[in-house]
Amino acid sequence: PGSAGVLPGHQVAQSWRGLWGFGAGLQNPGNTCYQHAILCPTRTSCTLHAMGAHMTRALLHPGEVIRPRKDLLMGFHRHQQEDAHEFLMFTLNAMQQGCLSASQPSGHPSEDTTLIRQIFDTCDPYLDISVDITVAQSVEQALRELVKPEKLDGENAYDCGVFLWKVPATKRLTLHSTSQVLVLVLKRLTQVSGAKMAQEVRYPQCLDLQPYTSERKAGPLGYVLYAVLVHSGWTGNGQWYKMDDAKVSS
């Protein structure tokens, strides 16, 4: 538990070092309710301690069914149908918060560096970045719109894994790592009609990508413009053409 809040640059070993057999299953306690609104103030990362103790119990009773202790059931509510997936999501969220709480004395680490995120989370790889130019007059403005926090409320509210109901939240997309060559795509086709937007978009010769990354580091993250690809021209009387290296056909 002391190393639960993993520091940036420290990776968790995730390879299996041996076979441990199988553990015990969890008994369904029914629609019971244990209210525990905050993490235990006297024991750092109490959900992590509870899960560690539970794993020890489970491995000592293979093939049996054991009743989960109260500290692992604090997310369940009376008179609600709650299944194994909701139990898993609540537990992972609580363990994630425990990792962050354990690291408070050394500062405020990024959520991406914790034990839970390293095991269960992933980043989406990208070859290019598509940016919306509907309201943007420059590439920088389009990138600011890309990473701007998005409010989730109403029908789009967030399914909270702790309280198990929809709550208002914010979502933000940032670049976790940057590539050697950055490819930006200006989305010129409208989603409704598919018509091509013809407005001009300014782009710089040198672009600092640092403001759009997950972890802010000292100094700029500069990219120098290498090429611009522009599709222009007219269609041939509404026809499509296949253009190979040595032949053009309708």
Protein backbone atom coordinates (compact mmCIF):
# COMPACT_ATOMS: atom_id res chain seq x y z
CA PRO A 1 0.00 0.00 0.00
CA GLY A 2 2.88 2.39 0.62
CA SER A 3 3.83 2.25 -3.07
CA ALA A 4 0.26 2.34 -4.36
CA GLY A 5 0.61 5.88 -5.65
CA VAL A 6 3.23 5.13 -8.26
CA LEU A 7 5.48 8.04 -9.14
CA PRO A 8 5.86 9.22 -12.76
CA GLY A 9 8.38 7.13 -14.67
CA HIS A 10 7.93 4.09 -12.41
CA GLN A 11 6.27 1.13 -14.11
CA VAL A 12 4.48 -1.70 -12.36
CA ALA A 13 5.71 -5.22 -13.19
CA GLN A 14 2.66 -6.88 -14.76
CA SER A 15 4.04 -10.30 -15.74
CA TRP A 16 2.89 -13.49 -14.02
CA ARG A 17 5.65 -15.02 -11.92
CA GLY A 18 3.88 -18.27 -11.07
CA LEU A 19 0.59 -20.13 -10.80
CA TRP A 20 -1.39 -19.36 -7.67
CA GLY A 21 -4.36 -21.64 -8.26
CA PHE A 22 -7.83 -20.20 -7.85
CA GLY A 23 -9.50 -18.37 -5.01
CA ALA A 24 -12.89 -18.34 -3.37
CA GLY A 25 -16.06 -16.87 -4.83
CA LEU A 26 -18.10 -14.04 -3.32
CA GLN A 27 -21.41 -14.72 -1.65
CA ASN A 28 -24.29 -12.52 -2.83
CA PRO A 29 -25.32 -10.56 0.30
CA GLY A 30 -28.55 -9.27 -1.26
CA ASN A 31 -29.56 -5.60 -1.32
CA THR A 32 -27.60 -4.62 1.76
CA CYS A 33 -26.30 -1.12 2.37
CA TYR A 34 -23.12 -0.01 4.06
CA GLN A 35 -22.62 3.77 3.95
CA HIS A 36 -19.02 4.94 3.96
CA ALA A 37 -18.85 8.27 2.18
CA ILE A 38 -15.13 8.94 2.53
CA LEU A 39 -11.94 6.90 2.61
CA CYS A 40 -10.84 5.79 6.07
CA PRO A 41 -8.92 8.74 7.55
CA THR A 42 -6.89 6.58 9.93
CA ARG A 43 -5.67 3.95 7.44
CA THR A 44 -4.24 5.17 4.18
CA SER A 45 -5.85 3.59 1.12
CA CYS A 46 -8.36 1.54 3.10
CA THR A 47 -9.88 -0.04 -0.02
CA LEU A 48 -6.44 -1.25 -1.06
CA HIS A 49 -5.92 -2.76 2.40
CA ALA A 50 -9.35 -4.37 2.23
CA MET A 51 -8.71 -5.85 -1.21
CA GLY A 52 -5.31 -7.17 -0.15
CA ALA A 53 -6.87 -8.87 2.89
CA HIS A 54 -9.68 -10.25 0.74
CA MET A 55 -7.26 -11.76 -1.79
CA THR A 56 -5.43 -13.49 1.05
CA ARG A 57 -8.72 -14.94 2.34
CA ALA A 58 -9.79 -16.01 -1.15
CA LEU A 59 -6.54 -17.81 -1.92
CA LEU A 60 -6.65 -19.60 1.45
CA HIS A 61 -10.13 -20.97 0.67
CA PRO A 62 -9.97 -22.20 -2.93
CA GLY A 63 -13.26 -23.37 -4.41
CA GLU A 64 -15.31 -22.10 -1.47
CA VAL A 65 -17.74 -19.19 -1.21
CA ILE A 66 -16.91 -16.46 1.29
CA ARG A 67 -18.93 -13.48 2.41
CA PRO A 68 -17.33 -10.13 1.50
CA ARG A 69 -16.51 -7.88 4.41
CA LYS A 70 -18.28 -4.60 5.02
CA ASP A 71 -15.44 -2.39 3.77
CA LEU A 72 -15.79 -3.95 0.28
CA LEU A 73 -19.57 -3.41 0.19
CA MET A 74 -19.74 0.28 1.00
CA GLY A 75 -20.82 1.20 -2.53
CA PHE A 76 -23.99 -0.88 -2.54
CA HIS A 77 -27.38 0.65 -1.80
CA ARG A 78 -30.59 -0.73 -0.36
CA HIS A 79 -33.44 -1.68 -2.71
CA GLN A 80 -31.33 -1.44 -5.87
CA GLN A 81 -30.34 -4.15 -8.31
CA GLU A 82 -26.54 -4.06 -8.39
CA ASP A 83 -24.44 -6.69 -10.14
CA ALA A 84 -20.85 -7.91 -10.25
CA HIS A 85 -19.85 -5.30 -12.84
CA GLU A 86 -21.02 -2.44 -10.64
CA PHE A 87 -19.13 -3.98 -7.71
CA LEU A 88 -15.98 -4.18 -9.87
CA MET A 89 -16.28 -0.57 -11.09
CA PHE A 90 -16.88 0.76 -7.59
CA THR A 91 -13.92 -1.18 -6.21
CA LEU A 92 -11.54 -0.01 -8.95
CA ASN A 93 -12.63 3.61 -8.53
CA ALA A 94 -12.16 3.39 -4.76
CA MET A 95 -8.72 1.80 -5.18
CA GLN A 96 -7.76 4.53 -7.64
CA GLN A 97 -8.73 7.20 -5.11
CA GLY A 98 -6.76 5.29 -2.48
CA CYS A 99 -3.67 5.36 -4.69
CA LEU A 100 -3.98 9.13 -5.07
CA SER A 101 -4.55 9.63 -1.34
CA ALA A 102 -1.46 7.56 -0.51
CA SER A 103 0.67 9.87 -2.67
CA GLN A 104 -0.55 13.16 -1.22
CA PRO A 105 2.54 13.80 0.96
CA SER A 106 4.77 13.77 -2.12
CA GLY A 107 2.53 16.04 -4.15
CA HIS A 108 -0.29 15.52 -6.59
CA PRO A 109 0.73 12.84 -9.11
CA SER A 110 -1.01 12.34 -12.41
CA GLU A 111 -3.84 9.79 -12.27
CA ASP A 112 -2.17 8.00 -15.19
CA THR A 113 0.80 6.97 -13.01
CA THR A 114 -1.12 5.05 -10.34
CA LEU A 115 -1.14 1.29 -9.86
CA ILE A 116 -4.77 0.94 -10.99
CA ARG A 117 -4.35 3.01 -14.15
CA GLN A 118 -1.20 1.13 -15.17
CA ILE A 119 -2.97 -2.23 -14.85
CA PHE A 120 -6.47 -1.46 -16.16
CA ASP A 121 -6.20 1.67 -18.30
CA THR A 122 -4.89 2.19 -21.81
CA CYS A 123 -4.23 5.01 -24.25
CA ASP A 124 -5.65 5.17 -27.76
CA PRO A 125 -2.84 5.21 -30.35
CA TYR A 126 -3.09 7.70 -33.20
CA LEU A 127 -1.46 8.23 -36.57
CA ASP A 128 -3.05 11.62 -37.12
CA ILE A 129 -5.14 14.12 -35.17
CA SER A 130 -8.39 15.36 -36.69
CA VAL A 131 -9.41 18.84 -35.58
CA ASP A 132 -12.74 20.58 -36.00
CA ILE A 133 -12.55 23.86 -37.90
CA THR A 134 -16.25 24.74 -37.68
CA VAL A 135 -15.59 27.61 -35.27
CA ALA A 136 -11.79 27.75 -35.55
CA GLN A 137 -9.87 30.30 -37.60
CA SER A 138 -6.43 28.83 -36.87
CA VAL A 139 -4.82 25.49 -36.09
CA GLU A 140 -3.99 26.65 -32.57
CA GLN A 141 -7.62 27.57 -31.92
CA ALA A 142 -8.76 24.18 -33.27
CA LEU A 143 -6.32 22.40 -30.92
CA ARG A 144 -7.58 24.44 -27.97
CA GLU A 145 -11.13 23.34 -28.81
CA LEU A 146 -9.91 19.73 -29.03
CA VAL A 147 -8.54 19.68 -25.46
CA LYS A 148 -11.21 21.94 -23.91
CA PRO A 149 -13.04 20.20 -21.03
CA GLU A 150 -16.49 18.95 -22.02
CA LYS A 151 -19.35 19.10 -19.51
CA LEU A 152 -21.34 15.88 -19.06
CA ASP A 153 -24.81 16.45 -17.63
CA GLY A 154 -28.44 15.64 -18.33
CA GLU A 155 -28.72 12.54 -20.51
CA ASN A 156 -24.93 12.58 -21.01
CA ALA A 157 -24.17 12.58 -17.28
CA TYR A 158 -21.39 10.33 -16.00
CA ASP A 159 -22.19 6.94 -14.43
CA CYS A 160 -20.40 7.33 -11.10
CA GLY A 161 -18.72 4.14 -9.89
CA VAL A 162 -18.74 5.35 -6.26
CA PHE A 163 -22.35 6.48 -5.73
CA LEU A 164 -23.75 4.33 -8.58
CA TRP A 165 -25.94 6.99 -10.17
CA LYS A 166 -25.51 9.59 -12.89
CA VAL A 167 -23.69 12.74 -11.79
CA PRO A 168 -22.46 15.87 -13.62
CA ALA A 169 -18.83 15.60 -14.65
CA THR A 170 -16.25 16.92 -17.10
CA LYS A 171 -14.29 15.02 -19.72
CA ARG A 172 -11.09 16.17 -21.36
CA LEU A 173 -8.99 14.79 -24.20
CA THR A 174 -5.24 15.44 -24.16
CA LEU A 175 -2.15 13.95 -25.80
CA HIS A 176 -0.42 11.49 -23.49
CA SER A 177 2.62 11.16 -25.76
CA THR A 178 3.67 12.87 -28.95
CA SER A 179 5.01 11.43 -32.19
CA GLN A 180 8.16 12.31 -34.10
CA VAL A 181 6.04 13.48 -37.04
CA LEU A 182 2.74 15.19 -36.27
CA VAL A 183 -0.08 14.88 -38.82
CA LEU A 184 -3.01 17.26 -38.40
CA VAL A 185 -6.19 16.76 -40.42
CA LEU A 186 -8.62 19.65 -40.86
CA LYS A 187 -12.14 18.23 -40.88
CA ARG A 188 -13.62 20.15 -43.81
CA LEU A 189 -16.62 17.89 -44.47
CA THR A 190 -19.76 18.66 -42.49
CA GLN A 191 -21.35 15.76 -40.61
CA VAL A 192 -24.91 16.44 -41.76
CA SER A 193 -24.70 17.14 -45.48
CA GLY A 194 -21.11 16.12 -46.22
CA ALA A 195 -20.53 19.48 -47.91
CA LYS A 196 -16.98 20.82 -47.94
CA MET A 197 -16.25 23.92 -45.87
CA ALA A 198 -14.10 26.36 -47.80
CA GLN A 199 -13.09 28.88 -45.12
CA GLU A 200 -9.41 29.65 -44.67
CA VAL A 201 -7.57 28.31 -41.62
CA ARG A 202 -4.30 29.87 -40.51
CA TYR A 203 -1.43 27.60 -39.54
CA PRO A 204 1.99 28.55 -38.14
CA GLN A 205 5.40 27.56 -39.42
CA CYS A 206 6.35 26.56 -35.86
CA LEU A 207 3.82 24.94 -33.51
CA ASP A 208 4.24 24.40 -29.75
CA LEU A 209 2.29 21.26 -28.78
CA GLN A 210 3.07 21.48 -25.06
CA PRO A 211 -0.25 23.16 -24.03
CA TYR A 212 -2.21 20.21 -25.43
CA THR A 213 -0.38 17.37 -23.64
CA SER A 214 -1.36 15.46 -20.47
CA GLU A 215 1.77 16.28 -18.49
CA ARG A 216 3.11 19.80 -18.66
CA LYS A 217 6.89 19.84 -18.87
CA ALA A 218 9.32 22.71 -18.82
CA GLY A 219 9.99 24.34 -22.17
CA PRO A 220 8.12 24.23 -25.48
CA LEU A 221 7.46 21.11 -27.54
CA GLY A 222 8.15 22.51 -30.99
CA TYR A 223 7.17 21.17 -34.40
CA VAL A 224 8.40 22.77 -37.64
CA LEU A 225 6.09 22.73 -40.65
CA TYR A 226 7.29 20.25 -43.26
CA ALA A 227 4.46 19.89 -45.76
CA VAL A 228 0.87 20.88 -46.47
CA LEU A 229 -1.46 18.67 -48.49
CA VAL A 230 -4.35 20.51 -50.13
CA HIS A 231 -7.08 18.85 -52.18
CA SER A 232 -8.37 21.35 -54.71
CA GLY A 233 -9.93 21.39 -58.16
CA TRP A 234 -13.23 20.55 -59.80
CA THR A 235 -15.03 17.27 -60.34
CA GLY A 236 -15.30 15.87 -63.85
CA ASN A 237 -18.99 16.38 -64.58
CA GLY A 238 -19.95 14.61 -61.37
CA GLN A 239 -17.96 11.49 -62.25
CA TRP A 240 -15.44 9.56 -60.15
CA TYR A 241 -12.08 8.54 -61.59
CA LYS A 242 -9.63 5.81 -60.60
CA MET A 243 -6.07 7.06 -60.90
CA ASP A 244 -3.37 4.38 -60.96
CA ASP A 245 0.31 5.07 -61.64
CA ALA A 246 -0.03 4.80 -65.42
CA LYS A 247 -3.77 4.76 -66.17
CA VAL A 248 -6.82 6.91 -65.48
CA SER A 249 -10.27 5.33 -65.94
CA SER A 250 -13.83 6.38 -65.14
